[in-house]
ModelCIF file with pLDDT and N, C-alpha, C, O atoms, coordinates in Angstrom:
data_MODEL
#
_entry.id   MODEL 
#
_entity.id                         1 
_entity.type                       polymer 
_entity.pdbx_number_of_molecules   1 
#
_entity_poly.entity_id                      1 
_entity_poly.type                           'polypeptide(L)' 
_entity_poly.nstd_linkage                   no 
_entity_poly.nstd_monomer                   no 
_entity_poly.pdbx_seq_one_letter_code       SLFDLAVNLGAPTTLKELGMREEDLDRAVDIALANPYWNPRPIERRPL 
_entity_poly.pdbx_seq_one_letter_code_can   SLFDLAVNLGAPTTLKELGMREEDLDRAVDIALANPYWNPRPIERRPL 
_entity_poly.pdbx_strand_id                 A 
#
loop_
_entity_poly_seq.entity_id 
_entity_poly_seq.num 
_entity_poly_seq.mon_id 
_entity_poly_seq.hetero 
1 1  SER n 
1 2  LEU n 
1 3  PHE n 
1 4  ASP n 
1 5  LEU n 
1 6  ALA n 
1 7  VAL n 
1 8  ASN n 
1 9  LEU n 
1 10 GLY n 
1 11 ALA n 
1 12 PRO n 
1 13 THR n 
1 14 THR n 
1 15 LEU n 
1 16 LYS n 
1 17 GLU n 
1 18 LEU n 
1 19 GLY n 
1 20 MET n 
1 21 ARG n 
1 22 GLU n 
1 23 GLU n 
1 24 ASP n 
1 25 LEU n 
1 26 ASP n 
1 27 ARG n 
1 28 ALA n 
1 29 VAL n 
1 30 ASP n 
1 31 ILE n 
1 32 ALA n 
1 33 LEU n 
1 34 ALA n 
1 35 ASN n 
1 36 PRO n 
1 37 TYR n 
1 38 TRP n 
1 39 ASN n 
1 40 PRO n 
1 41 ARG n 
1 42 PRO n 
1 43 ILE n 
1 44 GLU n 
1 45 ARG n 
1 46 ARG n 
1 47 PRO n 
1 48 LEU n 
#
_struct_asym.id          A 
_struct_asym.entity_id   1 
#
loop_
_ma_qa_metric.id 
_ma_qa_metric.mode 
_ma_qa_metric.name 
_ma_qa_metric.software_group_id 
_ma_qa_metric.type 
1 global pLDDT . pLDDT 
2 local  pLDDT . pLDDT 
#
_ma_qa_metric_global.metric_id      1 
_ma_qa_metric_global.metric_value   95.10 
_ma_qa_metric_global.model_id       1 
_ma_qa_metric_global.ordinal_id     1 
#
loop_
_ma_qa_metric_local.label_asym_id 
_ma_qa_metric_local.label_comp_id 
_ma_qa_metric_local.label_seq_id 
_ma_qa_metric_local.metric_id 
_ma_qa_metric_local.metric_value 
_ma_qa_metric_local.model_id 
_ma_qa_metric_local.ordinal_id 
A SER 1  2 96.00 1 1  
A LEU 2  2 97.00 1 2  
A PHE 3  2 97.00 1 3  
A ASP 4  2 96.00 1 4  
A LEU 5  2 97.00 1 5  
A ALA 6  2 97.00 1 6  
A VAL 7  2 97.00 1 7  
A ASN 8  2 96.00 1 8  
A LEU 9  2 97.00 1 9  
A GLY 10 2 97.00 1 10 
A ALA 11 2 98.00 1 11 
A PRO 12 2 98.00 1 12 
A THR 13 2 98.00 1 13 
A THR 14 2 98.00 1 14 
A LEU 15 2 98.00 1 15 
A LYS 16 2 98.00 1 16 
A GLU 17 2 97.00 1 17 
A LEU 18 2 97.00 1 18 
A GLY 19 2 97.00 1 19 
A MET 20 2 97.00 1 20 
A ARG 21 2 97.00 1 21 
A GLU 22 2 97.00 1 22 
A GLU 23 2 97.00 1 23 
A ASP 24 2 97.00 1 24 
A LEU 25 2 97.00 1 25 
A ASP 26 2 97.00 1 26 
A ARG 27 2 96.00 1 27 
A ALA 28 2 96.00 1 28 
A VAL 29 2 96.00 1 29 
A ASP 30 2 95.00 1 30 
A ILE 31 2 93.00 1 31 
A ALA 32 2 91.00 1 32 
A LEU 33 2 93.00 1 33 
A ALA 34 2 90.00 1 34 
A ASN 35 2 79.00 1 35 
A PRO 36 2 75.00 1 36 
A TYR 37 2 82.00 1 37 
A TRP 38 2 92.00 1 38 
A ASN 39 2 97.00 1 39 
A PRO 40 2 97.00 1 40 
A ARG 41 2 97.00 1 41 
A PRO 42 2 95.00 1 42 
A ILE 43 2 94.00 1 43 
A GLU 44 2 95.00 1 44 
A ARG 45 2 96.00 1 45 
A ARG 46 2 97.00 1 46 
A PRO 47 2 97.00 1 47 
A LEU 48 2 97.00 1 48 
#
loop_
_atom_site.group_PDB 
_atom_site.id 
_atom_site.type_symbol 
_atom_site.label_atom_id 
_atom_site.label_alt_id 
_atom_site.label_comp_id 
_atom_site.label_asym_id 
_atom_site.label_entity_id 
_atom_site.label_seq_id 
_atom_site.pdbx_PDB_ins_code 
_atom_site.Cartn_x 
_atom_site.Cartn_y 
_atom_site.Cartn_z 
_atom_site.occupancy 
_atom_site.B_iso_or_equiv 
_atom_site.pdbx_formal_charge 
_atom_site.auth_seq_id 
_atom_site.auth_comp_id 
_atom_site.auth_asym_id 
_atom_site.auth_atom_id 
_atom_site.pdbx_PDB_model_num 
ATOM 1   N N  . SER A 1 1  ? -16.856 -7.657  6.566  1.00 96.00 ? 1  SER A N  1 
ATOM 2   C CA . SER A 1 1  ? -18.158 -7.027  7.407  1.00 96.00 ? 1  SER A CA 1 
ATOM 3   C C  . SER A 1 1  ? -17.772 -6.068  8.420  1.00 96.00 ? 1  SER A C  1 
ATOM 4   O O  . SER A 1 1  ? -18.416 -5.058  8.703  1.00 96.00 ? 1  SER A O  1 
ATOM 5   N N  . LEU A 1 2  ? -16.641 -6.453  8.969  1.00 97.00 ? 2  LEU A N  1 
ATOM 6   C CA . LEU A 1 2  ? -16.049 -5.118  9.740  1.00 97.00 ? 2  LEU A CA 1 
ATOM 7   C C  . LEU A 1 2  ? -15.607 -3.762  9.003  1.00 97.00 ? 2  LEU A C  1 
ATOM 8   O O  . LEU A 1 2  ? -15.830 -2.619  9.404  1.00 97.00 ? 2  LEU A O  1 
ATOM 9   N N  . PHE A 1 3  ? -15.009 -4.100  7.973  1.00 97.00 ? 3  PHE A N  1 
ATOM 10  C CA . PHE A 1 3  ? -14.721 -2.875  7.223  1.00 97.00 ? 3  PHE A CA 1 
ATOM 11  C C  . PHE A 1 3  ? -15.968 -2.192  6.594  1.00 97.00 ? 3  PHE A C  1 
ATOM 12  O O  . PHE A 1 3  ? -16.133 -0.973  6.540  1.00 97.00 ? 3  PHE A O  1 
ATOM 13  N N  . ASP A 1 4  ? -16.840 -3.160  6.116  1.00 96.00 ? 4  ASP A N  1 
ATOM 14  C CA . ASP A 1 4  ? -18.306 -2.409  5.882  1.00 96.00 ? 4  ASP A CA 1 
ATOM 15  C C  . ASP A 1 4  ? -19.002 -1.710  6.965  1.00 96.00 ? 4  ASP A C  1 
ATOM 16  O O  . ASP A 1 4  ? -19.722 -0.757  6.669  1.00 96.00 ? 4  ASP A O  1 
ATOM 17  N N  . LEU A 1 5  ? -18.879 -2.051  8.116  1.00 97.00 ? 5  LEU A N  1 
ATOM 18  C CA . LEU A 1 5  ? -19.473 -1.557  9.157  1.00 97.00 ? 5  LEU A CA 1 
ATOM 19  C C  . LEU A 1 5  ? -18.691 -0.057  9.496  1.00 97.00 ? 5  LEU A C  1 
ATOM 20  O O  . LEU A 1 5  ? -19.279 0.979   9.807  1.00 97.00 ? 5  LEU A O  1 
ATOM 21  N N  . ALA A 1 6  ? -17.153 -0.236  9.345  1.00 97.00 ? 6  ALA A N  1 
ATOM 22  C CA . ALA A 1 6  ? -16.833 1.222   9.460  1.00 97.00 ? 6  ALA A CA 1 
ATOM 23  C C  . ALA A 1 6  ? -17.130 1.903   8.671  1.00 97.00 ? 6  ALA A C  1 
ATOM 24  O O  . ALA A 1 6  ? -17.429 3.037   9.046  1.00 97.00 ? 6  ALA A O  1 
ATOM 25  N N  . VAL A 1 7  ? -17.207 1.611   7.248  1.00 97.00 ? 7  VAL A N  1 
ATOM 26  C CA . VAL A 1 7  ? -17.756 2.483   6.229  1.00 97.00 ? 7  VAL A CA 1 
ATOM 27  C C  . VAL A 1 7  ? -18.982 3.165   6.289  1.00 97.00 ? 7  VAL A C  1 
ATOM 28  O O  . VAL A 1 7  ? -19.154 4.340   5.962  1.00 97.00 ? 7  VAL A O  1 
ATOM 29  N N  . ASN A 1 8  ? -19.964 2.259   6.790  1.00 96.00 ? 8  ASN A N  1 
ATOM 30  C CA . ASN A 1 8  ? -21.366 2.718   7.222  1.00 96.00 ? 8  ASN A CA 1 
ATOM 31  C C  . ASN A 1 8  ? -21.499 3.461   8.071  1.00 96.00 ? 8  ASN A C  1 
ATOM 32  O O  . ASN A 1 8  ? -22.478 4.204   8.009  1.00 96.00 ? 8  ASN A O  1 
ATOM 33  N N  . LEU A 1 9  ? -20.618 3.568   9.161  1.00 97.00 ? 9  LEU A N  1 
ATOM 34  C CA . LEU A 1 9  ? -20.514 4.431   10.408 1.00 97.00 ? 9  LEU A CA 1 
ATOM 35  C C  . LEU A 1 9  ? -19.695 5.790   10.078 1.00 97.00 ? 9  LEU A C  1 
ATOM 36  O O  . LEU A 1 9  ? -19.634 6.692   10.914 1.00 97.00 ? 9  LEU A O  1 
ATOM 37  N N  . GLY A 1 10 ? -19.181 5.869   9.035  1.00 97.00 ? 10 GLY A N  1 
ATOM 38  C CA . GLY A 1 10 ? -18.536 7.112   8.461  1.00 97.00 ? 10 GLY A CA 1 
ATOM 39  C C  . GLY A 1 10 ? -17.058 7.112   9.348  1.00 97.00 ? 10 GLY A C  1 
ATOM 40  O O  . GLY A 1 10 ? -16.483 8.180   9.558  1.00 97.00 ? 10 GLY A O  1 
ATOM 41  N N  . ALA A 1 11 ? -16.542 5.893   9.812  1.00 98.00 ? 11 ALA A N  1 
ATOM 42  C CA . ALA A 1 11 ? -15.220 6.097   10.248 1.00 98.00 ? 11 ALA A CA 1 
ATOM 43  C C  . ALA A 1 11 ? -13.952 5.863   9.431  1.00 98.00 ? 11 ALA A C  1 
ATOM 44  O O  . ALA A 1 11 ? -14.001 5.238   8.372  1.00 98.00 ? 11 ALA A O  1 
ATOM 45  N N  . PRO A 1 12 ? -12.845 6.352   9.908  1.00 98.00 ? 12 PRO A N  1 
ATOM 46  C CA . PRO A 1 12 ? -11.774 6.222   8.745  1.00 98.00 ? 12 PRO A CA 1 
ATOM 47  C C  . PRO A 1 12 ? -11.364 4.825   8.283  1.00 98.00 ? 12 PRO A C  1 
ATOM 48  O O  . PRO A 1 12 ? -11.585 3.814   8.949  1.00 98.00 ? 12 PRO A O  1 
ATOM 49  N N  . THR A 1 13 ? -10.797 4.836   7.186  1.00 98.00 ? 13 THR A N  1 
ATOM 50  C CA . THR A 1 13 ? -10.673 3.561   6.666  1.00 98.00 ? 13 THR A CA 1 
ATOM 51  C C  . THR A 1 13 ? -9.313  3.189   6.023  1.00 98.00 ? 13 THR A C  1 
ATOM 52  O O  . THR A 1 13 ? -9.064  2.077   5.559  1.00 98.00 ? 13 THR A O  1 
ATOM 53  N N  . THR A 1 14 ? -8.360  4.364   6.050  1.00 98.00 ? 14 THR A N  1 
ATOM 54  C CA . THR A 1 14 ? -6.981  4.223   5.494  1.00 98.00 ? 14 THR A CA 1 
ATOM 55  C C  . THR A 1 14 ? -6.064  4.873   6.441  1.00 98.00 ? 14 THR A C  1 
ATOM 56  O O  . THR A 1 14 ? -6.422  5.923   6.973  1.00 98.00 ? 14 THR A O  1 
ATOM 57  N N  . LEU A 1 15 ? -4.886  4.343   6.713  1.00 98.00 ? 15 LEU A N  1 
ATOM 58  C CA . LEU A 1 15 ? -3.832  4.994   7.400  1.00 98.00 ? 15 LEU A CA 1 
ATOM 59  C C  . LEU A 1 15 ? -3.116  6.374   7.113  1.00 98.00 ? 15 LEU A C  1 
ATOM 60  O O  . LEU A 1 15 ? -2.484  7.073   7.905  1.00 98.00 ? 15 LEU A O  1 
ATOM 61  N N  . LYS A 1 16 ? -3.426  6.619   5.534  1.00 98.00 ? 16 LYS A N  1 
ATOM 62  C CA . LYS A 1 16 ? -3.001  7.651   4.965  1.00 98.00 ? 16 LYS A CA 1 
ATOM 63  C C  . LYS A 1 16 ? -3.690  9.081   5.442  1.00 98.00 ? 16 LYS A C  1 
ATOM 64  O O  . LYS A 1 16 ? -3.140  10.176  5.562  1.00 98.00 ? 16 LYS A O  1 
ATOM 65  N N  . GLU A 1 17 ? -5.074  8.716   5.673  1.00 97.00 ? 17 GLU A N  1 
ATOM 66  C CA . GLU A 1 17 ? -5.859  9.875   6.341  1.00 97.00 ? 17 GLU A CA 1 
ATOM 67  C C  . GLU A 1 17 ? -5.551  10.165  7.773  1.00 97.00 ? 17 GLU A C  1 
ATOM 68  O O  . GLU A 1 17 ? -5.956  11.168  8.361  1.00 97.00 ? 17 GLU A O  1 
ATOM 69  N N  . LEU A 1 18 ? -4.840  9.266   8.279  1.00 97.00 ? 18 LEU A N  1 
ATOM 70  C CA . LEU A 1 18 ? -4.513  9.439   9.741  1.00 97.00 ? 18 LEU A CA 1 
ATOM 71  C C  . LEU A 1 18 ? -3.177  10.128  9.848  1.00 97.00 ? 18 LEU A C  1 
ATOM 72  O O  . LEU A 1 18 ? -2.844  10.444  10.990 1.00 97.00 ? 18 LEU A O  1 
ATOM 73  N N  . GLY A 1 19 ? -2.265  10.448  8.761  1.00 97.00 ? 19 GLY A N  1 
ATOM 74  C CA . GLY A 1 19 ? -1.024  10.967  8.779  1.00 97.00 ? 19 GLY A CA 1 
ATOM 75  C C  . GLY A 1 19 ? -0.166  10.310  8.521  1.00 97.00 ? 19 GLY A C  1 
ATOM 76  O O  . GLY A 1 19 ? 0.911   10.903  8.459  1.00 97.00 ? 19 GLY A O  1 
ATOM 77  N N  . MET A 1 20 ? -0.144  8.954   8.270  1.00 97.00 ? 20 MET A N  1 
ATOM 78  C CA . MET A 1 20 ? 0.695   7.733   8.191  1.00 97.00 ? 20 MET A CA 1 
ATOM 79  C C  . MET A 1 20 ? 1.532   8.245   6.831  1.00 97.00 ? 20 MET A C  1 
ATOM 80  O O  . MET A 1 20 ? 0.761   8.806   6.052  1.00 97.00 ? 20 MET A O  1 
ATOM 81  N N  . ARG A 1 21 ? 2.805   8.199   6.388  1.00 97.00 ? 21 ARG A N  1 
ATOM 82  C CA . ARG A 1 21 ? 3.542   8.388   5.265  1.00 97.00 ? 21 ARG A CA 1 
ATOM 83  C C  . ARG A 1 21 ? 3.789   7.042   4.824  1.00 97.00 ? 21 ARG A C  1 
ATOM 84  O O  . ARG A 1 21 ? 4.079   6.118   5.583  1.00 97.00 ? 21 ARG A O  1 
ATOM 85  N N  . GLU A 1 22 ? 3.641   6.938   3.325  1.00 97.00 ? 22 GLU A N  1 
ATOM 86  C CA . GLU A 1 22 ? 3.787   5.668   2.880  1.00 97.00 ? 22 GLU A CA 1 
ATOM 87  C C  . GLU A 1 22 ? 5.183   5.071   2.991  1.00 97.00 ? 22 GLU A C  1 
ATOM 88  O O  . GLU A 1 22 ? 5.351   3.853   3.049  1.00 97.00 ? 22 GLU A O  1 
ATOM 89  N N  . GLU A 1 23 ? 6.169   5.941   3.020  1.00 97.00 ? 23 GLU A N  1 
ATOM 90  C CA . GLU A 1 23 ? 7.664   5.767   3.094  1.00 97.00 ? 23 GLU A CA 1 
ATOM 91  C C  . GLU A 1 23 ? 7.953   5.193   4.279  1.00 97.00 ? 23 GLU A C  1 
ATOM 92  O O  . GLU A 1 23 ? 8.932   4.453   4.374  1.00 97.00 ? 23 GLU A O  1 
ATOM 93  N N  . ASP A 1 24 ? 7.082   5.477   5.416  1.00 97.00 ? 24 ASP A N  1 
ATOM 94  C CA . ASP A 1 24 ? 7.436   4.762   6.798  1.00 97.00 ? 24 ASP A CA 1 
ATOM 95  C C  . ASP A 1 24 ? 7.169   3.482   6.782  1.00 97.00 ? 24 ASP A C  1 
ATOM 96  O O  . ASP A 1 24 ? 7.970   2.763   7.380  1.00 97.00 ? 24 ASP A O  1 
ATOM 97  N N  . LEU A 1 25 ? 6.048   2.868   6.141  1.00 97.00 ? 25 LEU A N  1 
ATOM 98  C CA . LEU A 1 25 ? 5.618   1.578   5.983  1.00 97.00 ? 25 LEU A CA 1 
ATOM 99  C C  . LEU A 1 25 ? 6.736   0.646   6.102  1.00 97.00 ? 25 LEU A C  1 
ATOM 100 O O  . LEU A 1 25 ? 6.570   -0.141  7.035  1.00 97.00 ? 25 LEU A O  1 
ATOM 101 N N  . ASP A 1 26 ? 7.875   0.478   5.421  1.00 97.00 ? 26 ASP A N  1 
ATOM 102 C CA . ASP A 1 26 ? 9.084   -0.434  5.689  1.00 97.00 ? 26 ASP A CA 1 
ATOM 103 C C  . ASP A 1 26 ? 9.665   -0.463  7.198  1.00 97.00 ? 26 ASP A C  1 
ATOM 104 O O  . ASP A 1 26 ? 9.998   -1.461  7.836  1.00 97.00 ? 26 ASP A O  1 
ATOM 105 N N  . ARG A 1 27 ? 9.700   0.882   7.601  1.00 96.00 ? 27 ARG A N  1 
ATOM 106 C CA . ARG A 1 27 ? 10.242  1.105   9.386  1.00 96.00 ? 27 ARG A CA 1 
ATOM 107 C C  . ARG A 1 27 ? 9.046   0.648   10.106 1.00 96.00 ? 27 ARG A C  1 
ATOM 108 O O  . ARG A 1 27 ? 9.293   0.242   11.242 1.00 96.00 ? 27 ARG A O  1 
ATOM 109 N N  . ALA A 1 28 ? 8.048   0.614   9.813  1.00 96.00 ? 28 ALA A N  1 
ATOM 110 C CA . ALA A 1 28 ? 6.901   0.069   10.741 1.00 96.00 ? 28 ALA A CA 1 
ATOM 111 C C  . ALA A 1 28 ? 7.025   -1.390  10.885 1.00 96.00 ? 28 ALA A C  1 
ATOM 112 O O  . ALA A 1 28 ? 6.951   -1.924  11.992 1.00 96.00 ? 28 ALA A O  1 
ATOM 113 N N  . VAL A 1 29 ? 7.216   -2.066  9.771  1.00 96.00 ? 29 VAL A N  1 
ATOM 114 C CA . VAL A 1 29 ? 7.338   -3.390  9.426  1.00 96.00 ? 29 VAL A CA 1 
ATOM 115 C C  . VAL A 1 29 ? 8.611   -3.940  10.328 1.00 96.00 ? 29 VAL A C  1 
ATOM 116 O O  . VAL A 1 29 ? 8.573   -4.986  10.976 1.00 96.00 ? 29 VAL A O  1 
ATOM 117 N N  . ASP A 1 30 ? 9.637   -3.134  10.261 1.00 95.00 ? 30 ASP A N  1 
ATOM 118 C CA . ASP A 1 30 ? 10.728  -3.484  11.035 1.00 95.00 ? 30 ASP A CA 1 
ATOM 119 C C  . ASP A 1 30 ? 10.640  -3.578  12.637 1.00 95.00 ? 30 ASP A C  1 
ATOM 120 O O  . ASP A 1 30 ? 11.137  -4.417  13.389 1.00 95.00 ? 30 ASP A O  1 
ATOM 121 N N  . ILE A 1 31 ? 9.936   -2.574  12.890 1.00 93.00 ? 31 ILE A N  1 
ATOM 122 C CA . ILE A 1 31 ? 9.662   -2.375  14.480 1.00 93.00 ? 31 ILE A CA 1 
ATOM 123 C C  . ILE A 1 31 ? 8.891   -3.565  14.826 1.00 93.00 ? 31 ILE A C  1 
ATOM 124 O O  . ILE A 1 31 ? 9.205   -4.209  15.828 1.00 93.00 ? 31 ILE A O  1 
ATOM 125 N N  . ALA A 1 32 ? 7.774   -3.964  13.986 1.00 91.00 ? 32 ALA A N  1 
ATOM 126 C CA . ALA A 1 32 ? 6.764   -4.914  14.555 1.00 91.00 ? 32 ALA A CA 1 
ATOM 127 C C  . ALA A 1 32 ? 7.625   -6.013  14.688 1.00 91.00 ? 32 ALA A C  1 
ATOM 128 O O  . ALA A 1 32 ? 7.508   -6.691  15.710 1.00 91.00 ? 32 ALA A O  1 
ATOM 129 N N  . LEU A 1 33 ? 8.608   -6.371  13.714 1.00 93.00 ? 33 LEU A N  1 
ATOM 130 C CA . LEU A 1 33 ? 9.013   -7.513  13.692 1.00 93.00 ? 33 LEU A CA 1 
ATOM 131 C C  . LEU A 1 33 ? 10.300  -7.746  14.865 1.00 93.00 ? 33 LEU A C  1 
ATOM 132 O O  . LEU A 1 33 ? 10.745  -8.874  15.081 1.00 93.00 ? 33 LEU A O  1 
ATOM 133 N N  . ALA A 1 34 ? 10.798  -6.562  15.550 1.00 90.00 ? 34 ALA A N  1 
ATOM 134 C CA . ALA A 1 34 ? 11.714  -6.673  16.111 1.00 90.00 ? 34 ALA A CA 1 
ATOM 135 C C  . ALA A 1 34 ? 11.482  -7.279  17.442 1.00 90.00 ? 34 ALA A C  1 
ATOM 136 O O  . ALA A 1 34 ? 12.409  -7.674  18.148 1.00 90.00 ? 34 ALA A O  1 
ATOM 137 N N  . ASN A 1 35 ? 10.051  -7.358  17.826 1.00 79.00 ? 35 ASN A N  1 
ATOM 138 C CA . ASN A 1 35 ? 9.453   -7.897  19.044 1.00 79.00 ? 35 ASN A CA 1 
ATOM 139 C C  . ASN A 1 35 ? 7.931   -8.455  18.937 1.00 79.00 ? 35 ASN A C  1 
ATOM 140 O O  . ASN A 1 35 ? 7.061   -8.226  19.777 1.00 79.00 ? 35 ASN A O  1 
ATOM 141 N N  . PRO A 1 36 ? 7.782   -9.136  17.898 1.00 75.00 ? 36 PRO A N  1 
ATOM 142 C CA . PRO A 1 36 ? 6.798   -9.738  17.619 1.00 75.00 ? 36 PRO A CA 1 
ATOM 143 C C  . PRO A 1 36 ? 6.013   -10.478 18.822 1.00 75.00 ? 36 PRO A C  1 
ATOM 144 O O  . PRO A 1 36 ? 6.543   -11.081 19.755 1.00 75.00 ? 36 PRO A O  1 
ATOM 145 N N  . TYR A 1 37 ? 4.302   -10.255 18.538 1.00 82.00 ? 37 TYR A N  1 
ATOM 146 C CA . TYR A 1 37 ? 3.679   -10.992 19.961 1.00 82.00 ? 37 TYR A CA 1 
ATOM 147 C C  . TYR A 1 37 ? 3.356   -12.351 19.002 1.00 82.00 ? 37 TYR A C  1 
ATOM 148 O O  . TYR A 1 37 ? 3.598   -12.572 17.815 1.00 82.00 ? 37 TYR A O  1 
ATOM 149 N N  . TRP A 1 38 ? 2.657   -13.210 20.118 1.00 92.00 ? 38 TRP A N  1 
ATOM 150 C CA . TRP A 1 38 ? 2.331   -14.505 19.808 1.00 92.00 ? 38 TRP A CA 1 
ATOM 151 C C  . TRP A 1 38 ? 1.202   -14.222 18.677 1.00 92.00 ? 38 TRP A C  1 
ATOM 152 O O  . TRP A 1 38 ? 0.444   -13.276 18.893 1.00 92.00 ? 38 TRP A O  1 
ATOM 153 N N  . ASN A 1 39 ? 1.057   -14.881 17.635 1.00 97.00 ? 39 ASN A N  1 
ATOM 154 C CA . ASN A 1 39 ? -0.169  -14.829 16.622 1.00 97.00 ? 39 ASN A CA 1 
ATOM 155 C C  . ASN A 1 39 ? -0.405  -16.097 15.901 1.00 97.00 ? 39 ASN A C  1 
ATOM 156 O O  . ASN A 1 39 ? 0.516   -16.848 15.579 1.00 97.00 ? 39 ASN A O  1 
ATOM 157 N N  . PRO A 1 40 ? -1.983  -16.388 15.584 1.00 97.00 ? 40 PRO A N  1 
ATOM 158 C CA . PRO A 1 40 ? -2.335  -17.635 15.205 1.00 97.00 ? 40 PRO A CA 1 
ATOM 159 C C  . PRO A 1 40 ? -1.705  -17.916 13.732 1.00 97.00 ? 40 PRO A C  1 
ATOM 160 O O  . PRO A 1 40 ? -1.671  -19.080 13.330 1.00 97.00 ? 40 PRO A O  1 
ATOM 161 N N  . ARG A 1 41 ? -1.245  -16.942 12.989 1.00 97.00 ? 41 ARG A N  1 
ATOM 162 C CA . ARG A 1 41 ? -0.470  -17.106 11.907 1.00 97.00 ? 41 ARG A CA 1 
ATOM 163 C C  . ARG A 1 41 ? 0.661   -16.673 11.887 1.00 97.00 ? 41 ARG A C  1 
ATOM 164 O O  . ARG A 1 41 ? 0.705   -15.465 12.120 1.00 97.00 ? 41 ARG A O  1 
ATOM 165 N N  . PRO A 1 42 ? 2.062   -17.372 11.620 1.00 95.00 ? 42 PRO A N  1 
ATOM 166 C CA . PRO A 1 42 ? 3.043   -16.734 11.685 1.00 95.00 ? 42 PRO A CA 1 
ATOM 167 C C  . PRO A 1 42 ? 3.465   -15.387 10.844 1.00 95.00 ? 42 PRO A C  1 
ATOM 168 O O  . PRO A 1 42 ? 3.273   -15.263 9.634  1.00 95.00 ? 42 PRO A O  1 
ATOM 169 N N  . ILE A 1 43 ? 3.985   -14.543 11.570 1.00 94.00 ? 43 ILE A N  1 
ATOM 170 C CA . ILE A 1 43 ? 4.297   -13.139 11.052 1.00 94.00 ? 43 ILE A CA 1 
ATOM 171 C C  . ILE A 1 43 ? 5.474   -13.234 10.257 1.00 94.00 ? 43 ILE A C  1 
ATOM 172 O O  . ILE A 1 43 ? 6.518   -13.679 10.734 1.00 94.00 ? 43 ILE A O  1 
ATOM 173 N N  . GLU A 1 44 ? 5.370   -12.817 8.985  1.00 95.00 ? 44 GLU A N  1 
ATOM 174 C CA . GLU A 1 44 ? 6.437   -12.921 7.998  1.00 95.00 ? 44 GLU A CA 1 
ATOM 175 C C  . GLU A 1 44 ? 6.403   -11.596 7.312  1.00 95.00 ? 44 GLU A C  1 
ATOM 176 O O  . GLU A 1 44 ? 5.335   -11.070 7.001  1.00 95.00 ? 44 GLU A O  1 
ATOM 177 N N  . ARG A 1 45 ? 7.558   -11.058 7.077  1.00 96.00 ? 45 ARG A N  1 
ATOM 178 C CA . ARG A 1 45 ? 7.630   -9.593  6.404  1.00 96.00 ? 45 ARG A CA 1 
ATOM 179 C C  . ARG A 1 45 ? 6.810   -9.313  5.162  1.00 96.00 ? 45 ARG A C  1 
ATOM 180 O O  . ARG A 1 45 ? 5.980   -8.405  5.110  1.00 96.00 ? 45 ARG A O  1 
ATOM 181 N N  . ARG A 1 46 ? 7.102   -10.191 4.101  1.00 97.00 ? 46 ARG A N  1 
ATOM 182 C CA . ARG A 1 46 ? 6.363   -9.887  2.906  1.00 97.00 ? 46 ARG A CA 1 
ATOM 183 C C  . ARG A 1 46 ? 4.620   -9.595  3.224  1.00 97.00 ? 46 ARG A C  1 
ATOM 184 O O  . ARG A 1 46 ? 4.121   -8.494  2.990  1.00 97.00 ? 46 ARG A O  1 
ATOM 185 N N  . PRO A 1 47 ? 3.910   -10.621 3.719  1.00 97.00 ? 47 PRO A N  1 
ATOM 186 C CA . PRO A 1 47 ? 2.422   -10.362 4.004  1.00 97.00 ? 47 PRO A CA 1 
ATOM 187 C C  . PRO A 1 47 ? 2.209   -9.381  5.002  1.00 97.00 ? 47 PRO A C  1 
ATOM 188 O O  . PRO A 1 47 ? 1.170   -8.723  4.943  1.00 97.00 ? 47 PRO A O  1 
ATOM 189 N N  . LEU A 1 48 ? 3.130   -9.150  6.027  1.00 97.00 ? 48 LEU A N  1 
ATOM 190 C CA . LEU A 1 48 ? 2.901   -8.135  6.962  1.00 97.00 ? 48 LEU A CA 1 
ATOM 191 C C  . LEU A 1 48 ? 3.107   -6.753  6.246  1.00 97.00 ? 48 LEU A C  1 
ATOM 192 O O  . LEU A 1 48 ? 2.958   -5.705  6.873  1.00 97.00 ? 48 LEU A O  1 
#
């Protein structure tokens, strides 16, 4: 529902269009896992 709201409002829906490079996604995961927040679901590398 929230994704559809963003689409209907004409908002960006991809990290690619914001300038993120696909080859940097693994590094982003590493940084996020280095100091994770509490989260209701365990933060695991593969699903993240």
